């Protein structure tokens, strides 16, 4: 992946902007992925470069987690395959791979959340076939997934120090 550029705009809690994307390895993506951050204005490109440098590692960590925990996740999210045809068409996902139980074919990257912290943490938001309203969110800290829940959990890493770090450092 080459350097990416995002025109960040200030929002209520963070700054965000879209970047053209053409999938994330084997995971489909929106054509325009939302990048959100709360780093000091003017230092966004450093964090984007950090993402680009480490994106293959993040991809591997996320995929390993999802593939290892597929049955647990689908059970937790009460996945019902009755609406697969609709969702695979709606999200432009591969219905054959979904039918084979390939969880990577059931999600679509829609956002990357990069918090202002010196900790090695990042969040990813996905659309998913099992919950079109709440999606899927993954937070990676160092080399492990520390949170996998609804998409909103990816944005909780913007408050990493308050939401996650105390639990990790105590446990």
N, C-alpha and C. Protein backbone atom coordinates (compact mmCIF):
# COMPACT_ATOMS: atom_id res chain seq x y z
N UNK A 1 0.86 -1.17 0.00
CA UNK A 1 0.00 0.00 0.00
C UNK A 1 0.90 1.23 0.00
N UNK A 2 0.59 2.17 -0.85
CA UNK A 2 1.37 3.40 -0.93
C UNK A 2 0.89 4.41 0.09
N UNK A 3 1.56 5.53 0.14
CA UNK A 3 1.13 6.61 1.02
C UNK A 3 -0.30 7.00 0.68
N UNK A 4 -1.09 7.28 1.70
CA UNK A 4 -2.46 7.72 1.46
C UNK A 4 -2.62 9.14 1.96
N UNK A 5 -3.52 9.84 1.35
CA UNK A 5 -3.82 11.23 1.73
C UNK A 5 -5.29 11.32 2.08
N UNK A 6 -5.57 12.00 3.16
CA UNK A 6 -6.93 12.21 3.61
C UNK A 6 -7.08 13.68 3.94
N UNK A 7 -8.15 14.30 3.44
CA UNK A 7 -8.44 15.69 3.77
C UNK A 7 -9.32 15.69 5.02
N UNK A 8 -8.69 15.83 6.18
CA UNK A 8 -9.41 15.75 7.45
C UNK A 8 -10.22 17.02 7.71
N UNK A 9 -11.43 16.82 8.20
CA UNK A 9 -12.32 17.92 8.62
C UNK A 9 -12.63 17.74 10.10
N UNK A 10 -12.69 18.84 10.82
CA UNK A 10 -12.97 18.78 12.25
C UNK A 10 -14.42 18.41 12.51
N UNK A 11 -14.61 17.53 13.49
CA UNK A 11 -15.94 17.14 13.93
C UNK A 11 -16.08 17.38 15.41
N UNK A 12 -17.15 16.89 15.99
CA UNK A 12 -17.41 17.12 17.41
C UNK A 12 -16.37 16.45 18.30
N UNK A 13 -16.00 15.18 17.99
CA UNK A 13 -15.09 14.43 18.85
C UNK A 13 -13.75 14.11 18.19
N UNK A 14 -13.70 14.22 16.88
CA UNK A 14 -12.48 13.86 16.17
C UNK A 14 -12.48 14.55 14.81
N UNK A 15 -11.41 14.36 14.08
CA UNK A 15 -11.34 14.84 12.71
C UNK A 15 -11.38 13.61 11.81
N UNK A 16 -12.07 13.74 10.71
CA UNK A 16 -12.18 12.60 9.82
C UNK A 16 -12.23 13.04 8.37
N UNK A 17 -11.96 12.09 7.51
CA UNK A 17 -12.02 12.32 6.07
C UNK A 17 -11.98 10.99 5.35
N UNK A 18 -12.33 11.01 4.09
CA UNK A 18 -12.39 9.78 3.30
C UNK A 18 -11.17 9.64 2.41
N UNK A 19 -10.87 8.41 2.09
CA UNK A 19 -9.76 8.07 1.20
C UNK A 19 -10.23 6.98 0.26
N UNK A 20 -9.90 7.09 -1.01
CA UNK A 20 -10.25 6.04 -1.97
C UNK A 20 -9.57 4.74 -1.56
N UNK A 21 -10.30 3.67 -1.65
CA UNK A 21 -9.81 2.37 -1.23
C UNK A 21 -10.33 1.34 -2.22
N UNK A 22 -9.58 0.31 -2.46
CA UNK A 22 -10.02 -0.74 -3.37
C UNK A 22 -9.84 -2.09 -2.68
N UNK A 23 -10.52 -2.27 -1.57
CA UNK A 23 -10.40 -3.50 -0.80
C UNK A 23 -9.16 -3.49 0.09
N UNK A 24 -9.19 -4.38 1.06
CA UNK A 24 -8.07 -4.52 1.99
C UNK A 24 -7.65 -5.98 1.93
N UNK A 25 -6.76 -6.27 1.02
CA UNK A 25 -6.33 -7.64 0.73
C UNK A 25 -7.57 -8.47 0.38
N UNK A 26 -7.94 -9.48 1.19
CA UNK A 26 -9.09 -10.33 0.88
C UNK A 26 -10.40 -9.80 1.44
N UNK A 27 -10.37 -8.67 2.11
CA UNK A 27 -11.59 -8.10 2.68
C UNK A 27 -12.05 -6.97 1.77
N UNK A 28 -13.31 -7.03 1.39
CA UNK A 28 -13.88 -5.95 0.57
C UNK A 28 -13.89 -4.65 1.38
N UNK A 29 -13.99 -3.53 0.70
CA UNK A 29 -14.08 -2.25 1.40
C UNK A 29 -15.03 -1.33 0.65
N UNK A 30 -15.49 -0.31 1.35
CA UNK A 30 -16.20 0.76 0.67
C UNK A 30 -15.23 1.38 -0.32
N UNK A 31 -15.74 2.01 -1.37
CA UNK A 31 -14.85 2.68 -2.32
C UNK A 31 -14.11 3.84 -1.65
N UNK A 32 -14.75 4.40 -0.65
CA UNK A 32 -14.17 5.51 0.09
C UNK A 32 -14.23 5.17 1.58
N UNK A 33 -13.09 4.86 2.16
CA UNK A 33 -13.02 4.46 3.57
C UNK A 33 -12.84 5.70 4.44
N UNK A 34 -13.58 5.74 5.54
CA UNK A 34 -13.49 6.86 6.48
C UNK A 34 -12.31 6.66 7.42
N UNK A 35 -11.46 7.66 7.53
CA UNK A 35 -10.37 7.66 8.49
C UNK A 35 -10.72 8.70 9.57
N UNK A 36 -10.66 8.30 10.83
CA UNK A 36 -10.93 9.20 11.95
C UNK A 36 -9.74 9.22 12.88
N UNK A 37 -9.48 10.39 13.44
CA UNK A 37 -8.36 10.52 14.37
C UNK A 37 -8.60 11.69 15.32
N UNK A 38 -7.89 11.67 16.41
CA UNK A 38 -7.89 12.81 17.33
C UNK A 38 -6.46 13.27 17.59
N UNK A 39 -5.56 13.00 16.64
CA UNK A 39 -4.18 13.49 16.77
C UNK A 39 -4.19 14.99 16.57
N UNK A 40 -3.19 15.69 17.10
CA UNK A 40 -3.13 17.14 16.92
C UNK A 40 -3.15 17.52 15.44
N UNK A 41 -3.89 18.56 15.15
CA UNK A 41 -3.99 19.01 13.76
C UNK A 41 -2.60 19.25 13.19
N UNK A 42 -2.39 18.77 11.99
CA UNK A 42 -1.10 18.91 11.33
C UNK A 42 -0.22 17.67 11.44
N UNK A 43 -0.57 16.75 12.34
CA UNK A 43 0.26 15.54 12.48
C UNK A 43 -0.46 14.29 11.96
N UNK A 44 -1.58 14.49 11.26
CA UNK A 44 -2.36 13.36 10.76
C UNK A 44 -1.55 12.49 9.79
N UNK A 45 -0.73 13.13 8.93
CA UNK A 45 -0.02 12.35 7.92
C UNK A 45 0.96 11.38 8.56
N UNK A 46 1.55 11.76 9.69
CA UNK A 46 2.45 10.84 10.39
C UNK A 46 1.70 9.57 10.80
N UNK A 47 0.49 9.72 11.31
CA UNK A 47 -0.30 8.56 11.71
C UNK A 47 -0.78 7.76 10.50
N UNK A 48 -1.11 8.45 9.40
CA UNK A 48 -1.49 7.74 8.19
C UNK A 48 -0.31 6.92 7.66
N UNK A 49 0.88 7.51 7.69
CA UNK A 49 2.08 6.80 7.26
C UNK A 49 2.34 5.59 8.16
N UNK A 50 2.10 5.75 9.47
CA UNK A 50 2.24 4.65 10.42
C UNK A 50 1.27 3.53 10.05
N UNK A 51 0.03 3.89 9.70
CA UNK A 51 -0.95 2.89 9.28
C UNK A 51 -0.45 2.15 8.03
N UNK A 52 0.00 2.89 7.03
CA UNK A 52 0.46 2.28 5.78
C UNK A 52 1.64 1.33 6.06
N UNK A 53 2.57 1.76 6.90
CA UNK A 53 3.73 0.93 7.23
C UNK A 53 3.33 -0.37 7.91
N UNK A 54 2.27 -0.33 8.71
CA UNK A 54 1.88 -1.47 9.52
C UNK A 54 0.60 -2.18 9.06
N UNK A 55 0.01 -1.75 7.96
CA UNK A 55 -1.31 -2.27 7.59
C UNK A 55 -1.31 -3.77 7.32
N UNK A 56 -0.24 -4.32 6.77
CA UNK A 56 -0.20 -5.78 6.56
C UNK A 56 -0.21 -6.52 7.88
N UNK A 57 0.50 -6.00 8.87
CA UNK A 57 0.49 -6.61 10.21
C UNK A 57 -0.91 -6.53 10.81
N UNK A 58 -1.56 -5.35 10.70
CA UNK A 58 -2.92 -5.20 11.23
C UNK A 58 -3.88 -6.16 10.53
N UNK A 59 -3.73 -6.26 9.22
CA UNK A 59 -4.59 -7.16 8.45
C UNK A 59 -4.42 -8.60 8.94
N UNK A 60 -3.19 -9.04 9.09
CA UNK A 60 -2.90 -10.40 9.55
C UNK A 60 -3.49 -10.64 10.94
N UNK A 61 -3.31 -9.69 11.86
CA UNK A 61 -3.83 -9.85 13.22
C UNK A 61 -5.35 -9.94 13.20
N UNK A 62 -6.00 -9.03 12.46
CA UNK A 62 -7.47 -9.04 12.38
C UNK A 62 -7.97 -10.34 11.75
N UNK A 63 -7.36 -10.74 10.65
CA UNK A 63 -7.80 -11.97 9.97
C UNK A 63 -7.58 -13.20 10.83
N UNK A 64 -6.42 -13.31 11.46
CA UNK A 64 -6.15 -14.46 12.33
C UNK A 64 -7.22 -14.55 13.42
N UNK A 65 -7.55 -13.40 14.01
CA UNK A 65 -8.55 -13.38 15.07
C UNK A 65 -9.92 -13.81 14.53
N UNK A 66 -10.32 -13.21 13.42
CA UNK A 66 -11.64 -13.52 12.85
C UNK A 66 -11.74 -14.98 12.42
N UNK A 67 -10.72 -15.47 11.76
CA UNK A 67 -10.75 -16.85 11.27
C UNK A 67 -10.70 -17.86 12.42
N UNK A 68 -9.94 -17.56 13.45
CA UNK A 68 -9.85 -18.44 14.62
C UNK A 68 -11.15 -18.47 15.41
N UNK A 69 -11.85 -17.34 15.43
CA UNK A 69 -13.04 -17.20 16.28
C UNK A 69 -14.34 -17.12 15.50
N UNK A 70 -14.36 -17.58 14.26
CA UNK A 70 -15.55 -17.45 13.41
C UNK A 70 -16.80 -17.98 14.09
N UNK A 71 -16.79 -19.22 14.53
CA UNK A 71 -18.01 -19.81 15.09
C UNK A 71 -18.46 -19.08 16.35
N UNK A 72 -17.51 -18.70 17.20
CA UNK A 72 -17.86 -17.96 18.42
C UNK A 72 -18.49 -16.61 18.09
N UNK A 73 -17.91 -15.92 17.11
CA UNK A 73 -18.42 -14.60 16.73
C UNK A 73 -19.81 -14.70 16.14
N UNK A 74 -20.01 -15.65 15.23
CA UNK A 74 -21.33 -15.78 14.60
C UNK A 74 -22.39 -16.20 15.62
N UNK A 75 -21.99 -17.00 16.59
CA UNK A 75 -22.91 -17.37 17.66
C UNK A 75 -23.20 -16.17 18.55
N UNK A 76 -22.16 -15.43 18.93
CA UNK A 76 -22.31 -14.25 19.78
C UNK A 76 -23.24 -13.23 19.13
N UNK A 77 -23.05 -13.01 17.83
CA UNK A 77 -23.85 -12.02 17.12
C UNK A 77 -25.19 -12.59 16.62
N UNK A 78 -25.49 -13.84 17.01
CA UNK A 78 -26.75 -14.50 16.66
C UNK A 78 -26.99 -14.46 15.16
N UNK A 79 -25.99 -14.88 14.41
CA UNK A 79 -26.04 -14.87 12.95
C UNK A 79 -27.09 -15.83 12.43
N UNK A 80 -27.95 -15.33 11.55
CA UNK A 80 -28.97 -16.14 10.89
C UNK A 80 -28.71 -16.04 9.40
N UNK A 81 -28.40 -17.17 8.78
CA UNK A 81 -28.03 -17.11 7.36
C UNK A 81 -29.23 -16.98 6.42
N UNK A 82 -30.41 -16.77 6.95
CA UNK A 82 -31.61 -16.63 6.13
C UNK A 82 -31.59 -15.42 5.19
N UNK A 83 -30.87 -14.39 5.55
CA UNK A 83 -30.84 -13.18 4.74
C UNK A 83 -29.54 -13.01 3.96
N UNK A 84 -28.79 -14.10 3.78
CA UNK A 84 -27.50 -14.00 3.10
C UNK A 84 -27.59 -13.44 1.69
N UNK A 85 -28.57 -13.87 0.92
CA UNK A 85 -28.68 -13.41 -0.46
C UNK A 85 -28.85 -11.90 -0.50
N UNK A 86 -29.72 -11.37 0.37
CA UNK A 86 -29.92 -9.92 0.41
C UNK A 86 -28.64 -9.20 0.79
N UNK A 87 -28.00 -9.63 1.87
CA UNK A 87 -26.82 -8.92 2.34
C UNK A 87 -25.64 -9.05 1.39
N UNK A 88 -25.46 -10.23 0.80
CA UNK A 88 -24.34 -10.37 -0.13
C UNK A 88 -24.53 -9.46 -1.33
N UNK A 89 -25.76 -9.28 -1.76
CA UNK A 89 -26.04 -8.38 -2.88
C UNK A 89 -25.90 -6.92 -2.43
N UNK A 90 -26.47 -6.60 -1.28
CA UNK A 90 -26.44 -5.22 -0.77
C UNK A 90 -25.02 -4.73 -0.55
N UNK A 91 -24.19 -5.56 0.05
CA UNK A 91 -22.81 -5.16 0.33
C UNK A 91 -21.84 -5.54 -0.79
N UNK A 92 -22.39 -6.09 -1.88
CA UNK A 92 -21.57 -6.52 -3.02
C UNK A 92 -20.49 -7.51 -2.57
N UNK A 93 -20.90 -8.47 -1.77
CA UNK A 93 -20.00 -9.48 -1.25
C UNK A 93 -20.18 -10.78 -2.02
N UNK A 94 -19.23 -11.66 -1.93
CA UNK A 94 -19.20 -12.91 -2.67
C UNK A 94 -20.08 -13.96 -1.97
N UNK A 95 -21.27 -14.20 -2.52
CA UNK A 95 -22.23 -15.12 -1.90
C UNK A 95 -21.68 -16.54 -1.79
N UNK A 96 -20.86 -16.97 -2.75
CA UNK A 96 -20.29 -18.32 -2.70
C UNK A 96 -19.35 -18.45 -1.51
N UNK A 97 -18.48 -17.46 -1.30
CA UNK A 97 -17.56 -17.51 -0.16
C UNK A 97 -18.33 -17.44 1.16
N UNK A 98 -19.39 -16.66 1.20
CA UNK A 98 -20.20 -16.57 2.41
C UNK A 98 -20.82 -17.94 2.71
N UNK A 99 -21.36 -18.58 1.68
CA UNK A 99 -21.99 -19.89 1.86
C UNK A 99 -20.99 -20.92 2.37
N UNK A 100 -19.73 -20.75 2.04
CA UNK A 100 -18.68 -21.66 2.51
C UNK A 100 -18.23 -21.33 3.94
N UNK A 101 -18.79 -20.27 4.54
CA UNK A 101 -18.46 -19.92 5.91
C UNK A 101 -17.21 -19.07 6.05
N UNK A 102 -16.78 -18.44 4.97
CA UNK A 102 -15.58 -17.59 5.00
C UNK A 102 -15.95 -16.24 5.61
N UNK A 103 -15.60 -16.05 6.86
CA UNK A 103 -16.00 -14.83 7.57
C UNK A 103 -15.44 -13.57 6.92
N UNK A 104 -14.28 -13.67 6.26
CA UNK A 104 -13.70 -12.50 5.61
C UNK A 104 -14.58 -12.02 4.46
N UNK A 105 -15.40 -12.91 3.91
CA UNK A 105 -16.31 -12.52 2.83
C UNK A 105 -17.60 -11.92 3.38
N UNK A 106 -17.78 -11.97 4.70
CA UNK A 106 -19.00 -11.47 5.32
C UNK A 106 -18.86 -10.05 5.84
N UNK A 107 -17.67 -9.46 5.68
CA UNK A 107 -17.44 -8.12 6.20
C UNK A 107 -16.92 -7.20 5.10
N UNK A 108 -17.08 -5.90 5.33
CA UNK A 108 -16.65 -4.88 4.38
C UNK A 108 -16.07 -3.72 5.18
N UNK A 109 -14.78 -3.42 4.96
CA UNK A 109 -14.12 -2.34 5.69
C UNK A 109 -14.76 -1.00 5.35
N UNK A 110 -15.12 -0.25 6.37
CA UNK A 110 -15.69 1.07 6.12
C UNK A 110 -14.98 2.20 6.87
N UNK A 111 -14.22 1.87 7.94
CA UNK A 111 -13.55 2.94 8.67
C UNK A 111 -12.28 2.45 9.36
N UNK A 112 -11.33 3.37 9.48
CA UNK A 112 -10.08 3.14 10.19
C UNK A 112 -9.98 4.25 11.22
N UNK A 113 -9.75 3.87 12.48
CA UNK A 113 -9.71 4.84 13.57
C UNK A 113 -8.32 4.84 14.18
N UNK A 114 -7.66 6.00 14.11
CA UNK A 114 -6.28 6.11 14.59
C UNK A 114 -6.25 7.14 15.73
N UNK A 115 -6.10 6.68 16.97
CA UNK A 115 -6.13 7.60 18.11
C UNK A 115 -4.82 8.34 18.33
N UNK A 116 -4.94 9.43 19.08
CA UNK A 116 -3.76 10.20 19.50
C UNK A 116 -3.22 9.55 20.76
N UNK A 117 -2.25 8.72 20.58
CA UNK A 117 -1.60 8.06 21.70
C UNK A 117 -0.27 7.52 21.21
N UNK A 118 0.65 7.36 22.11
CA UNK A 118 1.92 6.76 21.70
C UNK A 118 1.84 5.24 21.78
N UNK A 119 0.69 4.73 22.18
CA UNK A 119 0.47 3.29 22.24
C UNK A 119 0.20 2.78 20.82
N UNK A 120 0.56 1.54 20.57
CA UNK A 120 0.39 0.91 19.27
C UNK A 120 -1.03 0.38 19.17
N UNK A 121 -2.00 1.28 18.90
CA UNK A 121 -3.42 0.91 18.90
C UNK A 121 -4.11 1.49 17.66
N UNK A 122 -5.08 0.71 17.15
CA UNK A 122 -5.84 1.15 15.98
C UNK A 122 -7.19 0.44 15.99
N UNK A 123 -8.20 1.08 15.45
CA UNK A 123 -9.53 0.48 15.35
C UNK A 123 -9.98 0.36 13.91
N UNK A 124 -10.79 -0.66 13.64
CA UNK A 124 -11.34 -0.88 12.30
C UNK A 124 -12.84 -1.10 12.41
N UNK A 125 -13.61 -0.42 11.57
CA UNK A 125 -15.06 -0.59 11.53
C UNK A 125 -15.46 -1.28 10.23
N UNK A 126 -16.39 -2.20 10.34
CA UNK A 126 -16.83 -2.99 9.19
C UNK A 126 -18.35 -3.04 9.12
N UNK A 127 -18.89 -3.08 7.89
CA UNK A 127 -20.24 -3.56 7.68
C UNK A 127 -20.12 -5.07 7.75
N UNK A 128 -21.21 -5.73 8.14
CA UNK A 128 -21.17 -7.19 8.18
C UNK A 128 -22.55 -7.76 7.88
N UNK A 129 -22.59 -8.98 7.40
CA UNK A 129 -23.86 -9.59 7.00
C UNK A 129 -24.75 -9.94 8.19
N UNK A 130 -24.19 -10.08 9.37
CA UNK A 130 -25.01 -10.51 10.50
C UNK A 130 -25.64 -9.35 11.26
N UNK A 131 -25.23 -8.12 11.00
CA UNK A 131 -25.84 -6.99 11.71
C UNK A 131 -25.66 -5.74 10.86
N UNK A 132 -26.64 -5.46 10.01
CA UNK A 132 -26.53 -4.32 9.10
C UNK A 132 -26.68 -2.99 9.82
N UNK A 133 -27.16 -3.01 11.04
CA UNK A 133 -27.33 -1.76 11.79
C UNK A 133 -26.10 -1.41 12.62
N UNK A 134 -25.50 -2.39 13.29
CA UNK A 134 -24.42 -2.11 14.24
C UNK A 134 -23.03 -2.46 13.73
N UNK A 135 -22.93 -3.29 12.73
CA UNK A 135 -21.64 -3.63 12.14
C UNK A 135 -20.73 -4.37 13.09
N UNK A 136 -19.44 -4.33 12.76
CA UNK A 136 -18.40 -5.01 13.54
C UNK A 136 -17.26 -4.04 13.77
N UNK A 137 -16.75 -4.00 14.97
CA UNK A 137 -15.60 -3.16 15.30
C UNK A 137 -14.51 -3.99 15.94
N UNK A 138 -13.28 -3.72 15.52
CA UNK A 138 -12.12 -4.42 16.06
C UNK A 138 -11.11 -3.38 16.53
N UNK A 139 -10.55 -3.58 17.72
CA UNK A 139 -9.47 -2.74 18.21
C UNK A 139 -8.25 -3.63 18.41
N UNK A 140 -7.13 -3.20 17.83
CA UNK A 140 -5.87 -3.93 17.94
C UNK A 140 -4.93 -3.10 18.78
N UNK A 141 -4.35 -3.73 19.80
CA UNK A 141 -3.35 -3.09 20.66
C UNK A 141 -2.10 -3.95 20.61
N UNK A 142 -1.00 -3.32 20.25
CA UNK A 142 0.24 -4.05 20.03
C UNK A 142 -0.02 -5.13 19.00
N UNK A 143 0.09 -6.37 19.35
CA UNK A 143 -0.09 -7.44 18.37
C UNK A 143 -1.28 -8.34 18.67
N UNK A 144 -2.33 -7.77 19.29
CA UNK A 144 -3.49 -8.61 19.58
C UNK A 144 -4.79 -7.82 19.51
N UNK A 145 -5.86 -8.52 19.19
CA UNK A 145 -7.19 -7.92 19.21
C UNK A 145 -7.61 -7.84 20.67
N UNK A 146 -7.93 -6.64 21.13
CA UNK A 146 -8.37 -6.47 22.52
C UNK A 146 -9.86 -6.22 22.62
N UNK A 147 -10.50 -5.93 21.48
CA UNK A 147 -11.94 -5.72 21.47
C UNK A 147 -12.48 -6.11 20.10
N UNK A 148 -13.57 -6.87 20.13
CA UNK A 148 -14.27 -7.23 18.90
C UNK A 148 -15.75 -7.24 19.26
N UNK A 149 -16.45 -6.23 18.77
CA UNK A 149 -17.85 -6.07 19.12
C UNK A 149 -18.52 -5.30 17.99
N UNK A 150 -19.52 -4.49 18.33
CA UNK A 150 -20.17 -3.66 17.32
C UNK A 150 -19.19 -2.62 16.79
N UNK A 151 -19.51 -2.06 15.62
CA UNK A 151 -18.60 -1.11 14.98
C UNK A 151 -18.22 0.04 15.90
N UNK A 152 -19.12 0.51 16.74
CA UNK A 152 -18.83 1.64 17.62
C UNK A 152 -17.64 1.36 18.53
N UNK A 153 -17.35 0.09 18.81
CA UNK A 153 -16.21 -0.22 19.68
C UNK A 153 -14.89 0.19 19.03
N UNK A 154 -14.84 0.24 17.70
CA UNK A 154 -13.61 0.69 17.02
C UNK A 154 -13.32 2.15 17.37
N UNK A 155 -14.38 2.93 17.54
CA UNK A 155 -14.20 4.35 17.86
C UNK A 155 -13.83 4.58 19.31
N UNK A 156 -14.07 3.58 20.17
CA UNK A 156 -13.68 3.72 21.57
C UNK A 156 -12.17 3.82 21.73
N UNK A 157 -11.41 3.39 20.72
CA UNK A 157 -9.96 3.51 20.85
C UNK A 157 -9.51 4.97 20.79
N UNK A 158 -10.39 5.89 20.35
CA UNK A 158 -10.05 7.32 20.41
C UNK A 158 -9.86 7.75 21.87
N UNK A 159 -10.54 7.04 22.78
CA UNK A 159 -10.37 7.27 24.22
C UNK A 159 -9.60 6.11 24.84
N UNK A 160 -8.59 5.65 24.15
CA UNK A 160 -7.85 4.45 24.54
C UNK A 160 -7.40 4.50 26.00
N UNK A 161 -6.82 5.61 26.40
CA UNK A 161 -6.30 5.72 27.77
C UNK A 161 -7.41 5.48 28.80
N UNK A 162 -8.62 6.00 28.52
CA UNK A 162 -9.72 5.86 29.47
C UNK A 162 -10.44 4.52 29.34
N UNK A 163 -10.66 4.07 28.12
CA UNK A 163 -11.51 2.89 27.90
C UNK A 163 -10.76 1.58 28.03
N UNK A 164 -9.55 1.50 27.46
CA UNK A 164 -8.86 0.22 27.39
C UNK A 164 -7.61 0.10 28.23
N UNK A 165 -6.78 1.12 28.24
CA UNK A 165 -5.41 0.97 28.76
C UNK A 165 -5.39 0.59 30.24
N UNK A 166 -6.27 1.14 31.04
CA UNK A 166 -6.26 0.81 32.48
C UNK A 166 -6.57 -0.68 32.67
N UNK A 167 -7.52 -1.23 31.87
CA UNK A 167 -7.84 -2.65 31.98
C UNK A 167 -6.64 -3.52 31.58
N UNK A 168 -5.95 -3.14 30.53
CA UNK A 168 -4.82 -3.92 30.03
C UNK A 168 -3.66 -3.87 31.01
N UNK A 169 -3.35 -2.68 31.50
CA UNK A 169 -2.18 -2.55 32.38
C UNK A 169 -2.44 -3.19 33.75
N UNK A 170 -3.71 -3.28 34.17
CA UNK A 170 -4.03 -3.93 35.44
C UNK A 170 -4.07 -5.44 35.30
N UNK A 171 -4.50 -5.92 34.11
CA UNK A 171 -4.71 -7.36 33.91
C UNK A 171 -3.48 -8.00 33.45
